[in-house]
């Protein structure tokens, strides 16, 4: 394994190329067949440089990163998909920011809600898929007496307004259909 601290180093194609070429030399060029990076221009330039120096090593863009970029482009073009994602993210954020609400949900679900992780490709899709998988548990959560008691006792802004907002999103007929359609 080869590692280097890149803190404070600008991630230009040249710098990444130097790093990868050093890594290949350290590992041994005969032990490397392929270099896989994301699709950024600096990484593509790095791949081209590696292919120039070592004819038997080829560069490939990460397929998952490519699919994530496609998903983002689709969300920009298809308003309903973007709206579905925003609503789903709002539901997850509400639960994750309110520990009592999250506790009540967890008592009704075998699955955890997922946040979007900036460094994880497909996390937008995973968030929506998990919401679809948890929809019944979420619906059960908001009709329980423990939920109602929590809402009645809570501070006006964080609980009641958030609760109304969440219930409105979960019960929206379009949201459920858009969530299912976007995941098929």
C-alpha atoms as a PDB file:
ATOM      1  CA  UNK A   1       0.000   0.000   0.000  1.00  0.00           C
ATOM      2  CA  UNK A   2       1.162   3.509  -0.746  1.00  0.00           C
ATOM      3  CA  UNK A   3      -0.151   6.607   1.025  1.00  0.00           C
ATOM      4  CA  UNK A   4       0.784  10.260   1.196  1.00  0.00           C
ATOM      5  CA  UNK A   5      -0.611  13.246   3.097  1.00  0.00           C
ATOM      6  CA  UNK A   6      -2.133  15.648   0.562  1.00  0.00           C
ATOM      7  CA  UNK A   7      -3.141  18.264   3.145  1.00  0.00           C
ATOM      8  CA  UNK A   8      -2.417  21.722   1.796  1.00  0.00           C
ATOM      9  CA  UNK A   9      -1.505  20.425  -1.674  1.00  0.00           C
ATOM     10  CA  UNK A  10      -3.542  21.669  -4.617  1.00  0.00           C
ATOM     11  CA  UNK A  11      -5.048  18.651  -6.346  1.00  0.00           C
ATOM     12  CA  UNK A  12      -3.955  19.501  -9.890  1.00  0.00           C
ATOM     13  CA  UNK A  13      -3.514  16.883 -12.571  1.00  0.00           C
ATOM     14  CA  UNK A  14       0.242  17.324 -12.236  1.00  0.00           C
ATOM     15  CA  UNK A  15       0.280  16.759  -8.455  1.00  0.00           C
ATOM     16  CA  UNK A  16      -2.015  13.742  -8.657  1.00  0.00           C
ATOM     17  CA  UNK A  17       0.077  12.345 -11.529  1.00  0.00           C
ATOM     18  CA  UNK A  18       3.257  12.688  -9.478  1.00  0.00           C
ATOM     19  CA  UNK A  19       1.606  10.869  -6.604  1.00  0.00           C
ATOM     20  CA  UNK A  20       0.280   8.029  -8.773  1.00  0.00           C
ATOM     21  CA  UNK A  21       3.532   7.613 -10.676  1.00  0.00           C
ATOM     22  CA  UNK A  22       5.438   7.424  -7.351  1.00  0.00           C
ATOM     23  CA  UNK A  23       2.896   4.908  -6.067  1.00  0.00           C
ATOM     24  CA  UNK A  24       3.224   2.776  -9.203  1.00  0.00           C
ATOM     25  CA  UNK A  25       7.015   2.836  -8.914  1.00  0.00           C
ATOM     26  CA  UNK A  26       6.814   1.907  -5.233  1.00  0.00           C
ATOM     27  CA  UNK A  27       4.415  -0.967  -5.859  1.00  0.00           C
ATOM     28  CA  UNK A  28       6.114  -2.028  -9.044  1.00  0.00           C
ATOM     29  CA  UNK A  29       4.708  -1.223 -12.500  1.00  0.00           C
ATOM     30  CA  UNK A  30       4.296  -4.915 -13.307  1.00  0.00           C
ATOM     31  CA  UNK A  31       1.854  -5.172 -10.378  1.00  0.00           C
ATOM     32  CA  UNK A  32      -0.476  -2.438 -11.668  1.00  0.00           C
ATOM     33  CA  UNK A  33      -2.951  -2.914 -14.505  1.00  0.00           C
ATOM     34  CA  UNK A  34      -5.442  -0.114 -14.037  1.00  0.00           C
ATOM     35  CA  UNK A  35      -5.962   3.257 -12.341  1.00  0.00           C
ATOM     36  CA  UNK A  36      -9.533   4.248 -11.418  1.00  0.00           C
ATOM     37  CA  UNK A  37     -10.425   7.811 -10.384  1.00  0.00           C
ATOM     38  CA  UNK A  38     -13.456  10.051 -10.367  1.00  0.00           C
ATOM     39  CA  UNK A  39     -14.341  11.957 -13.519  1.00  0.00           C
ATOM     40  CA  UNK A  40     -12.900  15.377 -12.676  1.00  0.00           C
ATOM     41  CA  UNK A  41     -10.714  16.968 -15.337  1.00  0.00           C
ATOM     42  CA  UNK A  42      -7.618  16.814 -13.115  1.00  0.00           C
ATOM     43  CA  UNK A  43      -8.095  13.070 -12.601  1.00  0.00           C
ATOM     44  CA  UNK A  44      -8.673  12.473 -16.305  1.00  0.00           C
ATOM     45  CA  UNK A  45      -5.415  14.337 -17.044  1.00  0.00           C
ATOM     46  CA  UNK A  46      -3.707  12.143 -14.453  1.00  0.00           C
ATOM     47  CA  UNK A  47      -5.009   9.023 -16.156  1.00  0.00           C
ATOM     48  CA  UNK A  48      -3.715  10.192 -19.506  1.00  0.00           C
ATOM     49  CA  UNK A  49      -0.279  10.863 -17.995  1.00  0.00           C
ATOM     50  CA  UNK A  50      -0.119   7.416 -16.393  1.00  0.00           C
ATOM     51  CA  UNK A  51      -1.106   5.791 -19.709  1.00  0.00           C
ATOM     52  CA  UNK A  52       1.660   7.770 -21.476  1.00  0.00           C
ATOM     53  CA  UNK A  53       4.348   6.619 -19.054  1.00  0.00           C
ATOM     54  CA  UNK A  54       3.132   3.027 -18.665  1.00  0.00           C
ATOM     55  CA  UNK A  55       1.594   1.653 -21.843  1.00  0.00           C
ATOM     56  CA  UNK A  56       0.200  -1.456 -20.103  1.00  0.00           C
ATOM     57  CA  UNK A  57      -1.688   0.533 -17.426  1.00  0.00           C
ATOM     58  CA  UNK A  58      -5.007   2.052 -18.395  1.00  0.00           C
ATOM     59  CA  UNK A  59      -7.168   4.677 -16.707  1.00  0.00           C
ATOM     60  CA  UNK A  60     -10.898   4.324 -16.145  1.00  0.00           C
ATOM     61  CA  UNK A  61     -13.390   6.741 -14.693  1.00  0.00           C
ATOM     62  CA  UNK A  62     -15.279   5.395 -11.690  1.00  0.00           C
ATOM     63  CA  UNK A  63     -18.589   3.920 -12.890  1.00  0.00           C
ATOM     64  CA  UNK A  64     -20.371   4.741  -9.633  1.00  0.00           C
ATOM     65  CA  UNK A  65     -19.243   8.366  -9.870  1.00  0.00           C
ATOM     66  CA  UNK A  66     -20.487   8.469 -13.463  1.00  0.00           C
ATOM     67  CA  UNK A  67     -23.889   7.117 -12.403  1.00  0.00           C
ATOM     68  CA  UNK A  68     -24.081   9.635  -9.569  1.00  0.00           C
ATOM     69  CA  UNK A  69     -23.407  12.471 -12.023  1.00  0.00           C
ATOM     70  CA  UNK A  70     -26.160  11.140 -14.293  1.00  0.00           C
ATOM     71  CA  UNK A  71     -28.562  11.006 -11.340  1.00  0.00           C
ATOM     72  CA  UNK A  72     -27.726  14.612 -10.421  1.00  0.00           C
ATOM     73  CA  UNK A  73     -28.281  15.742 -14.024  1.00  0.00           C
ATOM     74  CA  UNK A  74     -31.630  13.939 -14.106  1.00  0.00           C
ATOM     75  CA  UNK A  75     -32.668  15.599 -10.857  1.00  0.00           C
ATOM     76  CA  UNK A  76     -31.907  19.003 -12.385  1.00  0.00           C
ATOM     77  CA  UNK A  77     -33.969  18.259 -15.496  1.00  0.00           C
ATOM     78  CA  UNK A  78     -36.880  16.429 -13.866  1.00  0.00           C
ATOM     79  CA  UNK A  79     -38.484  18.795 -11.387  1.00  0.00           C
ATOM     80  CA  UNK A  80     -40.538  16.038  -9.756  1.00  0.00           C
ATOM     81  CA  UNK A  81     -37.371  14.045  -9.003  1.00  0.00           C
ATOM     82  CA  UNK A  82     -35.647  17.049  -7.482  1.00  0.00           C
ATOM     83  CA  UNK A  83     -38.771  17.816  -5.435  1.00  0.00           C
ATOM     84  CA  UNK A  84     -38.970  14.208  -4.224  1.00  0.00           C
ATOM     85  CA  UNK A  85     -35.344  14.294  -3.143  1.00  0.00           C
ATOM     86  CA  UNK A  86     -35.745  17.616  -1.297  1.00  0.00           C
ATOM     87  CA  UNK A  87     -38.814  16.335   0.560  1.00  0.00           C
ATOM     88  CA  UNK A  88     -37.082  13.095   1.453  1.00  0.00           C
ATOM     89  CA  UNK A  89     -34.009  14.900   2.709  1.00  0.00           C
ATOM     90  CA  UNK A  90     -36.216  17.156   4.836  1.00  0.00           C
ATOM     91  CA  UNK A  91     -37.900  14.140   6.473  1.00  0.00           C
ATOM     92  CA  UNK A  92     -34.573  12.497   7.288  1.00  0.00           C
ATOM     93  CA  UNK A  93     -33.136  15.756   8.618  1.00  0.00           C
ATOM     94  CA  UNK A  94     -36.156  16.253  10.876  1.00  0.00           C
ATOM     95  CA  UNK A  95     -35.770  12.851  12.500  1.00  0.00           C
ATOM     96  CA  UNK A  96     -32.012  13.034  12.818  1.00  0.00           C
ATOM     97  CA  UNK A  97     -32.255  16.477  14.469  1.00  0.00           C
ATOM     98  CA  UNK A  98     -34.886  15.378  17.015  1.00  0.00           C
ATOM     99  CA  UNK A  99     -33.632  12.538  19.186  1.00  0.00           C
ATOM    100  CA  UNK A 100     -37.041  11.731  20.694  1.00  0.00           C
ATOM    101  CA  UNK A 101     -38.643  11.504  17.252  1.00  0.00           C
ATOM    102  CA  UNK A 102     -35.763   9.308  16.106  1.00  0.00           C
ATOM    103  CA  UNK A 103     -36.150   7.081  19.169  1.00  0.00           C
ATOM    104  CA  UNK A 104     -39.864   6.564  18.464  1.00  0.00           C
ATOM    105  CA  UNK A 105     -39.084   5.788  14.815  1.00  0.00           C
ATOM    106  CA  UNK A 106     -36.347   3.300  15.758  1.00  0.00           C
ATOM    107  CA  UNK A 107     -38.797   1.416  17.963  1.00  0.00           C
ATOM    108  CA  UNK A 108     -40.900   0.805  14.831  1.00  0.00           C
ATOM    109  CA  UNK A 109     -38.230   0.096  12.245  1.00  0.00           C
ATOM    110  CA  UNK A 110     -35.488  -2.442  11.750  1.00  0.00           C
ATOM    111  CA  UNK A 111     -33.789  -0.015   9.351  1.00  0.00           C
ATOM    112  CA  UNK A 112     -32.009   3.277  10.029  1.00  0.00           C
ATOM    113  CA  UNK A 113     -32.667   6.453   8.076  1.00  0.00           C
ATOM    114  CA  UNK A 114     -29.743   7.459   5.887  1.00  0.00           C
ATOM    115  CA  UNK A 115     -28.263  10.920   5.404  1.00  0.00           C
ATOM    116  CA  UNK A 116     -26.656  12.123   2.232  1.00  0.00           C
ATOM    117  CA  UNK A 117     -22.919  11.679   2.498  1.00  0.00           C
ATOM    118  CA  UNK A 118     -20.971  14.067   0.314  1.00  0.00           C
ATOM    119  CA  UNK A 119     -18.170  11.566  -0.170  1.00  0.00           C
ATOM    120  CA  UNK A 120     -20.420   8.602  -0.968  1.00  0.00           C
ATOM    121  CA  UNK A 121     -21.577   8.164  -4.503  1.00  0.00           C
ATOM    122  CA  UNK A 122     -25.236   7.141  -4.929  1.00  0.00           C
ATOM    123  CA  UNK A 123     -26.109   8.516  -1.490  1.00  0.00           C
ATOM    124  CA  UNK A 124     -29.001  10.539  -2.981  1.00  0.00           C
ATOM    125  CA  UNK A 125     -30.496   7.367  -4.427  1.00  0.00           C
ATOM    126  CA  UNK A 126     -29.813   5.451  -1.199  1.00  0.00           C
ATOM    127  CA  UNK A 127     -31.598   8.123   0.866  1.00  0.00           C
ATOM    128  CA  UNK A 128     -34.716   7.860  -1.297  1.00  0.00           C
ATOM    129  CA  UNK A 129     -34.638   4.074  -1.426  1.00  0.00           C
ATOM    130  CA  UNK A 130     -34.314   3.848   2.351  1.00  0.00           C
ATOM    131  CA  UNK A 131     -37.252   6.235   2.800  1.00  0.00           C
ATOM    132  CA  UNK A 132     -39.315   4.029   0.522  1.00  0.00           C
ATOM    133  CA  UNK A 133     -38.283   0.977   2.551  1.00  0.00           C
ATOM    134  CA  UNK A 134     -39.125   2.815   5.826  1.00  0.00           C
ATOM    135  CA  UNK A 135     -42.357   4.455   4.671  1.00  0.00           C
ATOM    136  CA  UNK A 136     -44.597   2.107   6.654  1.00  0.00           C
ATOM    137  CA  UNK A 137     -42.510   2.515   9.825  1.00  0.00           C
ATOM    138  CA  UNK A 138     -42.566   6.302   9.391  1.00  0.00           C
ATOM    139  CA  UNK A 139     -46.339   6.301   8.933  1.00  0.00           C
ATOM    140  CA  UNK A 140     -46.744   4.077  12.023  1.00  0.00           C
ATOM    141  CA  UNK A 141     -44.465   6.333  14.051  1.00  0.00           C
ATOM    142  CA  UNK A 142     -46.565   9.467  13.580  1.00  0.00           C
ATOM    143  CA  UNK A 143     -49.845   7.804  14.659  1.00  0.00           C
ATOM    144  CA  UNK A 144     -48.529   6.347  17.925  1.00  0.00           C
ATOM    145  CA  UNK A 145     -49.596   7.715  21.296  1.00  0.00           C
ATOM    146  CA  UNK A 146     -45.935   8.171  22.245  1.00  0.00           C
ATOM    147  CA  UNK A 147     -45.505  10.457  19.208  1.00  0.00           C
ATOM    148  CA  UNK A 148     -48.617  12.465  20.057  1.00  0.00           C
ATOM    149  CA  UNK A 149     -47.503  12.799  23.699  1.00  0.00           C
ATOM    150  CA  UNK A 150     -44.068  13.991  22.610  1.00  0.00           C
ATOM    151  CA  UNK A 151     -45.591  16.582  20.271  1.00  0.00           C
ATOM    152  CA  UNK A 152     -47.993  17.887  22.950  1.00  0.00           C
ATOM    153  CA  UNK A 153     -45.207  18.313  25.522  1.00  0.00           C
ATOM    154  CA  UNK A 154     -42.625  19.786  23.197  1.00  0.00           C
ATOM    155  CA  UNK A 155     -41.503  23.270  22.401  1.00  0.00           C
ATOM    156  CA  UNK A 156     -43.765  24.906  19.862  1.00  0.00           C
ATOM    157  CA  UNK A 157     -41.283  25.506  17.066  1.00  0.00           C
ATOM    158  CA  UNK A 158     -39.148  22.362  17.061  1.00  0.00           C
ATOM    159  CA  UNK A 159     -41.882  19.833  17.608  1.00  0.00           C
ATOM    160  CA  UNK A 160     -45.287  21.044  16.486  1.00  0.00           C
ATOM    161  CA  UNK A 161     -44.184  22.947  13.398  1.00  0.00           C
ATOM    162  CA  UNK A 162     -41.699  20.251  12.470  1.00  0.00           C
ATOM    163  CA  UNK A 163     -44.300  17.579  13.093  1.00  0.00           C
ATOM    164  CA  UNK A 164     -46.857  19.282  10.872  1.00  0.00           C
ATOM    165  CA  UNK A 165     -44.266  19.752   8.177  1.00  0.00           C
ATOM    166  CA  UNK A 166     -43.203  16.104   8.377  1.00  0.00           C
ATOM    167  CA  UNK A 167     -46.754  14.719   8.395  1.00  0.00           C
ATOM    168  CA  UNK A 168     -47.614  16.920   5.413  1.00  0.00           C
ATOM    169  CA  UNK A 169     -44.602  15.555   3.478  1.00  0.00           C
ATOM    170  CA  UNK A 170     -45.198  11.912   4.383  1.00  0.00           C
ATOM    171  CA  UNK A 171     -48.911  12.020   3.646  1.00  0.00           C
ATOM    172  CA  UNK A 172     -48.583  13.959   0.394  1.00  0.00           C
ATOM    173  CA  UNK A 173     -50.020  11.636  -2.212  1.00  0.00           C
ATOM    174  CA  UNK A 174     -47.568  12.877  -4.809  1.00  0.00           C
ATOM    175  CA  UNK A 175     -44.561  12.283  -2.556  1.00  0.00           C
ATOM    176  CA  UNK A 176     -45.291   8.580  -2.094  1.00  0.00           C
ATOM    177  CA  UNK A 177     -45.908   8.078  -5.795  1.00  0.00           C
ATOM    178  CA  UNK A 178     -42.893  10.153  -6.818  1.00  0.00           C
ATOM    179  CA  UNK A 179     -40.709   8.227  -4.393  1.00  0.00           C
ATOM    180  CA  UNK A 180     -41.827   4.893  -5.810  1.00  0.00           C
ATOM    181  CA  UNK A 181     -41.572   6.030  -9.444  1.00  0.00           C
ATOM    182  CA  UNK A 182     -38.110   7.529  -8.935  1.00  0.00           C
ATOM    183  CA  UNK A 183     -36.803   4.247  -7.549  1.00  0.00           C
ATOM    184  CA  UNK A 184     -38.158   1.961 -10.257  1.00  0.00           C
END
